[in-house]
Amino acid sequence: MTIEDINLDETDAVIFDLDGTLYDKRGLVRRIIIAELGITRLPILARERLARRKFGGLYFGSEEAFWDNFFLHMGMGKKCLANRCRTWYKTDYMPTMIRTLKQHFRVREWVTPLFEALAANGKKIAIYSDYGEVGFKMMALGMDLTMADVVVSASELGGLKPAPECMKAVIEMLGVPPERCLMVGDRDDNDGGSARAVGAKFMKVNS
């Protein structure tokens, strides 16, 4: 992807998805399971995947409310299990993901040149991910946080893609009209859906 792929006359800000867009995430889950967590963690990892699908597009009003509901669902409605799931996610799963990214993954070759070209043309840049710890993941991938004007996850905003409330919050942070924003992502449902829900443009890249 290059600056020539973007209609600069119609775009004031570009919002990038992270996972699968700015880096090739193939093999990430396998590495986490086999090399880091082990097969004994498959049940809780499966519950995390199921909860993520269940909560896709939902909005809870705040980050706290989102995670409370997310982990309660992971814990099958039991608060004691929900607390265990929260601890696993915060102290095991996400640190493992960040460590794996640092060891085995890097951003795509076009990322830095494109970001520099966008900045040179006065365009704002946002990184908008479904997962938390976006800044730490960017650094693990070798990215400089100052490359983006906004770095945020949907969960921090109270939901998951393609919740329109979360996308609206991102655009408000950028201070740009929705129709002047371009969402770049690898998934038409989450990333494209987010853009369409608020009247922004969408460009799909290969995952």
C-alpha atoms as a PDB file:
ATOM      1  CA  MET A   1       0.000   0.000   0.000  1.00  0.00           C
ATOM      2  CA  THR A   2       1.298   3.483  -0.879  1.00  0.00           C
ATOM      3  CA  ILE A   3       0.186   7.090  -0.603  1.00  0.00           C
ATOM      4  CA  GLU A   4      -1.002   6.887  -4.231  1.00  0.00           C
ATOM      5  CA  ASP A   5      -3.721   4.443  -3.127  1.00  0.00           C
ATOM      6  CA  ILE A   6      -5.399   7.167  -1.075  1.00  0.00           C
ATOM      7  CA  ASN A   7      -7.433  10.033  -2.476  1.00  0.00           C
ATOM      8  CA  LEU A   8      -5.794  12.836  -0.534  1.00  0.00           C
ATOM      9  CA  ASP A   9      -8.243  15.442  -1.841  1.00  0.00           C
ATOM     10  CA  GLU A  10     -11.113  13.633  -0.083  1.00  0.00           C
ATOM     11  CA  THR A  11      -9.273  12.442   3.014  1.00  0.00           C
ATOM     12  CA  ASP A  12      -8.140  14.336   6.104  1.00  0.00           C
ATOM     13  CA  ALA A  13      -7.522  11.357   8.389  1.00  0.00           C
ATOM     14  CA  VAL A  14      -6.711   7.661   7.969  1.00  0.00           C
ATOM     15  CA  ILE A  15      -7.727   5.171  10.651  1.00  0.00           C
ATOM     16  CA  PHE A  16      -5.757   1.929  10.574  1.00  0.00           C
ATOM     17  CA  ASP A  17      -6.716  -1.384  12.088  1.00  0.00           C
ATOM     18  CA  LEU A  18      -3.691  -3.072  13.673  1.00  0.00           C
ATOM     19  CA  ASP A  19      -3.947  -6.867  13.736  1.00  0.00           C
ATOM     20  CA  GLY A  20      -3.906  -8.358  10.254  1.00  0.00           C
ATOM     21  CA  THR A  21      -3.578  -4.926   8.643  1.00  0.00           C
ATOM     22  CA  LEU A  22      -0.315  -3.347   9.758  1.00  0.00           C
ATOM     23  CA  TYR A  23       1.288  -6.754  10.247  1.00  0.00           C
ATOM     24  CA  ASP A  24       0.660 -10.274   8.971  1.00  0.00           C
ATOM     25  CA  LYS A  25      -0.892 -12.049  11.954  1.00  0.00           C
ATOM     26  CA  ARG A  26      -0.872 -15.526  10.421  1.00  0.00           C
ATOM     27  CA  GLY A  27       0.576 -17.986  12.899  1.00  0.00           C
ATOM     28  CA  LEU A  28       0.101 -15.697  15.919  1.00  0.00           C
ATOM     29  CA  VAL A  29      -2.512 -17.820  17.698  1.00  0.00           C
ATOM     30  CA  ARG A  30      -0.582 -21.016  16.984  1.00  0.00           C
ATOM     31  CA  ARG A  31       2.581 -19.529  18.453  1.00  0.00           C
ATOM     32  CA  ILE A  32       0.707 -18.348  21.531  1.00  0.00           C
ATOM     33  CA  ILE A  33      -0.884 -21.733  22.125  1.00  0.00           C
ATOM     34  CA  ILE A  34       2.087 -23.989  21.410  1.00  0.00           C
ATOM     35  CA  ALA A  35       5.118 -21.924  22.361  1.00  0.00           C
ATOM     36  CA  GLU A  36       3.688 -19.863  25.207  1.00  0.00           C
ATOM     37  CA  LEU A  37       0.452 -20.954  26.839  1.00  0.00           C
ATOM     38  CA  GLY A  38       0.416 -24.675  26.081  1.00  0.00           C
ATOM     39  CA  ILE A  39      -2.522 -26.886  25.178  1.00  0.00           C
ATOM     40  CA  THR A  40      -3.818 -26.879  28.762  1.00  0.00           C
ATOM     41  CA  ARG A  41      -4.984 -23.298  28.190  1.00  0.00           C
ATOM     42  CA  LEU A  42      -7.068 -24.113  25.135  1.00  0.00           C
ATOM     43  CA  PRO A  43     -10.432 -24.102  27.005  1.00  0.00           C
ATOM     44  CA  ILE A  44     -10.021 -20.578  28.394  1.00  0.00           C
ATOM     45  CA  LEU A  45      -8.617 -19.332  25.082  1.00  0.00           C
ATOM     46  CA  ALA A  46     -11.656 -20.816  23.325  1.00  0.00           C
ATOM     47  CA  ARG A  47     -13.969 -19.007  25.752  1.00  0.00           C
ATOM     48  CA  GLU A  48     -12.188 -15.749  24.981  1.00  0.00           C
ATOM     49  CA  ARG A  49     -12.715 -16.313  21.251  1.00  0.00           C
ATOM     50  CA  LEU A  50     -16.403 -17.126  21.781  1.00  0.00           C
ATOM     51  CA  ALA A  51     -16.950 -14.059  23.967  1.00  0.00           C
ATOM     52  CA  ARG A  52     -15.268 -11.850  21.372  1.00  0.00           C
ATOM     53  CA  ARG A  53     -17.619 -13.129  18.665  1.00  0.00           C
ATOM     54  CA  LYS A  54     -20.623 -12.756  20.971  1.00  0.00           C
ATOM     55  CA  PHE A  55     -19.744  -9.152  21.840  1.00  0.00           C
ATOM     56  CA  GLY A  56     -18.823  -8.033  18.330  1.00  0.00           C
ATOM     57  CA  GLY A  57     -20.541  -4.731  17.561  1.00  0.00           C
ATOM     58  CA  LEU A  58     -21.907  -4.269  21.086  1.00  0.00           C
ATOM     59  CA  TYR A  59     -21.427  -1.107  23.125  1.00  0.00           C
ATOM     60  CA  PHE A  60     -21.581  -0.873  26.924  1.00  0.00           C
ATOM     61  CA  GLY A  61     -20.909   2.801  27.554  1.00  0.00           C
ATOM     62  CA  SER A  62     -17.529   2.509  29.267  1.00  0.00           C
ATOM     63  CA  GLU A  63     -14.394   0.400  29.344  1.00  0.00           C
ATOM     64  CA  GLU A  64     -15.218  -0.863  32.835  1.00  0.00           C
ATOM     65  CA  ALA A  65     -18.719  -1.956  31.840  1.00  0.00           C
ATOM     66  CA  PHE A  66     -17.420  -3.685  28.720  1.00  0.00           C
ATOM     67  CA  TRP A  67     -14.815  -5.750  30.565  1.00  0.00           C
ATOM     68  CA  ASP A  68     -17.195  -6.596  33.406  1.00  0.00           C
ATOM     69  CA  ASN A  69     -19.671  -8.049  30.921  1.00  0.00           C
ATOM     70  CA  PHE A  70     -16.979  -9.659  28.767  1.00  0.00           C
ATOM     71  CA  PHE A  71     -15.347 -11.577  31.608  1.00  0.00           C
ATOM     72  CA  LEU A  72     -18.694 -12.496  33.142  1.00  0.00           C
ATOM     73  CA  HIS A  73     -19.615 -14.083  29.821  1.00  0.00           C
ATOM     74  CA  MET A  74     -16.258 -15.860  29.678  1.00  0.00           C
ATOM     75  CA  GLY A  75     -16.925 -17.132  33.204  1.00  0.00           C
ATOM     76  CA  MET A  76     -20.343 -18.484  32.201  1.00  0.00           C
ATOM     77  CA  GLY A  77     -22.120 -16.046  34.504  1.00  0.00           C
ATOM     78  CA  LYS A  78     -20.123 -16.955  37.599  1.00  0.00           C
ATOM     79  CA  LYS A  79     -18.268 -14.092  39.250  1.00  0.00           C
ATOM     80  CA  CYS A  80     -15.514 -16.295  40.657  1.00  0.00           C
ATOM     81  CA  LEU A  81     -14.748 -17.672  37.174  1.00  0.00           C
ATOM     82  CA  ALA A  82     -15.063 -14.194  35.697  1.00  0.00           C
ATOM     83  CA  ASN A  83     -12.346 -12.964  38.060  1.00  0.00           C
ATOM     84  CA  ARG A  84     -10.090 -15.837  37.030  1.00  0.00           C
ATOM     85  CA  CYS A  85     -10.669 -15.019  33.373  1.00  0.00           C
ATOM     86  CA  ARG A  86      -9.853 -11.363  34.014  1.00  0.00           C
ATOM     87  CA  THR A  87      -6.599 -12.281  35.759  1.00  0.00           C
ATOM     88  CA  TRP A  88      -5.640 -14.691  32.958  1.00  0.00           C
ATOM     89  CA  TYR A  89      -6.333 -12.093  30.277  1.00  0.00           C
ATOM     90  CA  LYS A  90      -4.495  -9.233  31.983  1.00  0.00           C
ATOM     91  CA  THR A  91      -1.486 -11.077  33.429  1.00  0.00           C
ATOM     92  CA  ASP A  92      -1.026 -14.027  31.074  1.00  0.00           C
ATOM     93  CA  TYR A  93      -2.730 -13.771  27.683  1.00  0.00           C
ATOM     94  CA  MET A  94      -1.992 -10.161  26.704  1.00  0.00           C
ATOM     95  CA  PRO A  95       1.614 -10.171  27.984  1.00  0.00           C
ATOM     96  CA  THR A  96       2.127 -13.422  26.088  1.00  0.00           C
ATOM     97  CA  MET A  97       0.724 -11.862  22.922  1.00  0.00           C
ATOM     98  CA  ILE A  98       2.981  -8.818  23.248  1.00  0.00           C
ATOM     99  CA  ARG A  99       6.027 -11.006  23.899  1.00  0.00           C
ATOM    100  CA  THR A 100       5.213 -13.191  20.896  1.00  0.00           C
ATOM    101  CA  LEU A 101       4.785 -10.159  18.641  1.00  0.00           C
ATOM    102  CA  LYS A 102       8.156  -8.804  19.729  1.00  0.00           C
ATOM    103  CA  GLN A 103       9.906 -12.114  19.060  1.00  0.00           C
ATOM    104  CA  HIS A 104       8.306 -13.185  15.800  1.00  0.00           C
ATOM    105  CA  PHE A 105       6.447 -10.335  14.048  1.00  0.00           C
ATOM    106  CA  ARG A 106       7.146  -6.974  12.433  1.00  0.00           C
ATOM    107  CA  VAL A 107       5.015  -4.359  10.699  1.00  0.00           C
ATOM    108  CA  ARG A 108       4.623  -4.593   6.935  1.00  0.00           C
ATOM    109  CA  GLU A 109       7.263  -2.858   4.833  1.00  0.00           C
ATOM    110  CA  TRP A 110       4.829  -0.230   3.554  1.00  0.00           C
ATOM    111  CA  VAL A 111       3.757   1.023   6.987  1.00  0.00           C
ATOM    112  CA  THR A 112       6.537   3.481   7.839  1.00  0.00           C
ATOM    113  CA  PRO A 113       6.810   5.028   4.342  1.00  0.00           C
ATOM    114  CA  LEU A 114       3.035   5.431   4.148  1.00  0.00           C
ATOM    115  CA  PHE A 115       2.734   6.961   7.607  1.00  0.00           C
ATOM    116  CA  GLU A 116       5.551   9.394   6.828  1.00  0.00           C
ATOM    117  CA  ALA A 117       3.915  10.371   3.532  1.00  0.00           C
ATOM    118  CA  LEU A 118       0.547  10.927   5.220  1.00  0.00           C
ATOM    119  CA  ALA A 119       2.131  13.125   7.871  1.00  0.00           C
ATOM    120  CA  ALA A 120       4.022  15.084   5.208  1.00  0.00           C
ATOM    121  CA  ASN A 121       0.689  15.758   3.508  1.00  0.00           C
ATOM    122  CA  GLY A 122      -0.865  16.993   6.743  1.00  0.00           C
ATOM    123  CA  LYS A 123      -3.132  13.973   7.246  1.00  0.00           C
ATOM    124  CA  LYS A 124      -3.998  12.693  10.702  1.00  0.00           C
ATOM    125  CA  ILE A 125      -3.437   9.055  11.598  1.00  0.00           C
ATOM    126  CA  ALA A 126      -5.181   6.782  14.096  1.00  0.00           C
ATOM    127  CA  ILE A 127      -4.523   3.188  15.144  1.00  0.00           C
ATOM    128  CA  TYR A 128      -7.828   1.608  16.146  1.00  0.00           C
ATOM    129  CA  SER A 129      -7.763  -2.005  17.372  1.00  0.00           C
ATOM    130  CA  ASP A 130     -10.313  -4.325  18.934  1.00  0.00           C
ATOM    131  CA  TYR A 131      -7.762  -5.591  21.443  1.00  0.00           C
ATOM    132  CA  GLY A 132      -6.298  -3.689  24.364  1.00  0.00           C
ATOM    133  CA  GLU A 133      -2.660  -2.758  25.000  1.00  0.00           C
ATOM    134  CA  VAL A 134      -2.442  -1.191  21.533  1.00  0.00           C
ATOM    135  CA  GLY A 135       0.579   0.963  22.343  1.00  0.00           C
ATOM    136  CA  PHE A 136       2.566  -1.932  23.793  1.00  0.00           C
ATOM    137  CA  LYS A 137       1.725  -4.075  20.760  1.00  0.00           C
ATOM    138  CA  MET A 138       2.856  -1.304  18.412  1.00  0.00           C
ATOM    139  CA  MET A 139       6.179  -1.020  20.220  1.00  0.00           C
ATOM    140  CA  ALA A 140       6.590  -4.803  20.168  1.00  0.00           C
ATOM    141  CA  LEU A 141       6.176  -4.658  16.389  1.00  0.00           C
ATOM    142  CA  GLY A 142       8.865  -1.994  16.119  1.00  0.00           C
ATOM    143  CA  MET A 143       6.557   0.991  15.677  1.00  0.00           C
ATOM    144  CA  ASP A 144       7.066   4.456  17.103  1.00  0.00           C
ATOM    145  CA  LEU A 145       3.985   5.636  18.999  1.00  0.00           C
ATOM    146  CA  THR A 146       4.499   9.170  17.712  1.00  0.00           C
ATOM    147  CA  MET A 147       3.676   7.904  14.213  1.00  0.00           C
ATOM    148  CA  ALA A 148      -0.027   8.176  15.074  1.00  0.00           C
ATOM    149  CA  ASP A 149      -2.139  11.038  16.410  1.00  0.00           C
ATOM    150  CA  VAL A 150      -4.578   8.642  18.110  1.00  0.00           C
ATOM    151  CA  VAL A 151      -3.859   5.163  19.501  1.00  0.00           C
ATOM    152  CA  VAL A 152      -6.879   3.415  21.008  1.00  0.00           C
ATOM    153  CA  SER A 153      -8.766   0.144  21.300  1.00  0.00           C
ATOM    154  CA  ALA A 154     -12.498  -0.358  20.944  1.00  0.00           C
ATOM    155  CA  SER A 155     -12.613  -1.915  24.408  1.00  0.00           C
ATOM    156  CA  GLU A 156     -11.204   1.307  25.909  1.00  0.00           C
ATOM    157  CA  LEU A 157     -14.149   3.094  24.337  1.00  0.00           C
ATOM    158  CA  GLY A 158     -16.708   0.674  25.760  1.00  0.00           C
ATOM    159  CA  GLY A 159     -17.318  -1.952  23.082  1.00  0.00           C
ATOM    160  CA  LEU A 160     -16.012  -3.896  20.122  1.00  0.00           C
ATOM    161  CA  LYS A 161     -15.965  -3.238  16.394  1.00  0.00           C
ATOM    162  CA  PRO A 162     -18.128  -2.506  14.494  1.00  0.00           C
ATOM    163  CA  ALA A 163     -19.960  -0.619  17.273  1.00  0.00           C
ATOM    164  CA  PRO A 164     -20.682   2.832  15.763  1.00  0.00           C
ATOM    165  CA  GLU A 165     -20.329   4.547  19.145  1.00  0.00           C
ATOM    166  CA  CYS A 166     -16.680   3.466  19.353  1.00  0.00           C
ATOM    167  CA  MET A 167     -15.900   4.556  15.802  1.00  0.00           C
ATOM    168  CA  LYS A 168     -17.566   7.924  16.419  1.00  0.00           C
ATOM    169  CA  ALA A 169     -15.343   8.395  19.479  1.00  0.00           C
ATOM    170  CA  VAL A 170     -12.219   7.729  17.399  1.00  0.00           C
ATOM    171  CA  ILE A 171     -13.299  10.268  14.796  1.00  0.00           C
ATOM    172  CA  GLU A 172     -14.063  12.834  17.500  1.00  0.00           C
ATOM    173  CA  MET A 173     -10.522  12.373  18.838  1.00  0.00           C
ATOM    174  CA  LEU A 174      -9.196  13.134  15.362  1.00  0.00           C
ATOM    175  CA  GLY A 175     -11.425  16.189  14.994  1.00  0.00           C
ATOM    176  CA  VAL A 176     -12.297  15.342  11.397  1.00  0.00           C
ATOM    177  CA  PRO A 177     -15.740  14.911   9.769  1.00  0.00           C
ATOM    178  CA  PRO A 178     -16.605  11.218   9.220  1.00  0.00           C
ATOM    179  CA  GLU A 179     -16.883  11.636   5.456  1.00  0.00           C
ATOM    180  CA  ARG A 180     -13.295  12.908   5.405  1.00  0.00           C
ATOM    181  CA  CYS A 181     -12.004   9.789   7.190  1.00  0.00           C
ATOM    182  CA  LEU A 182     -10.711   6.591   5.611  1.00  0.00           C
ATOM    183  CA  MET A 183     -10.718   3.308   7.536  1.00  0.00           C
ATOM    184  CA  VAL A 184      -8.051   0.833   6.418  1.00  0.00           C
ATOM    185  CA  GLY A 185      -8.458  -2.749   7.576  1.00  0.00           C
ATOM    186  CA  ASP A 186      -8.356  -6.417   6.650  1.00  0.00           C
ATOM    187  CA  ARG A 187     -11.952  -7.281   7.607  1.00  0.00           C
ATOM    188  CA  ASP A 188     -15.022  -5.990   5.827  1.00  0.00           C
ATOM    189  CA  ASP A 189     -17.270  -6.947   8.736  1.00  0.00           C
ATOM    190  CA  ASN A 190     -15.401  -5.275  11.599  1.00  0.00           C
ATOM    191  CA  ASP A 191     -13.397  -2.539   9.879  1.00  0.00           C
ATOM    192  CA  GLY A 192     -15.675  -1.931   6.920  1.00  0.00           C
ATOM    193  CA  GLY A 193     -18.714  -2.155   9.160  1.00  0.00           C
ATOM    194  CA  SER A 194     -17.247   0.446  11.501  1.00  0.00           C
ATOM    195  CA  ALA A 195     -16.665   2.846   8.622  1.00  0.00           C
ATOM    196  CA  ARG A 196     -20.084   2.378   7.027  1.00  0.00           C
ATOM    197  CA  ALA A 197     -21.842   2.823  10.368  1.00  0.00           C
ATOM    198  CA  VAL A 198     -20.622   6.431  10.632  1.00  0.00           C
ATOM    199  CA  GLY A 199     -20.363   7.438   6.987  1.00  0.00           C
ATOM    200  CA  ALA A 200     -16.586   7.063   6.625  1.00  0.00           C
ATOM    201  CA  LYS A 201     -14.782   5.502   3.660  1.00  0.00           C
ATOM    202  CA  PHE A 202     -13.223   2.029   3.815  1.00  0.00           C
ATOM    203  CA  MET A 203     -10.262   0.405   2.098  1.00  0.00           C
ATOM    204  CA  LYS A 204      -9.615  -3.313   2.474  1.00  0.00           C
ATOM    205  CA  VAL A 205      -6.091  -4.687   2.544  1.00  0.00           C
ATOM    206  CA  ASN A 206      -5.031  -8.311   2.339  1.00  0.00           C
ATOM    207  CA  SER A 207      -4.628  -9.954   5.726  1.00  0.00           C
END
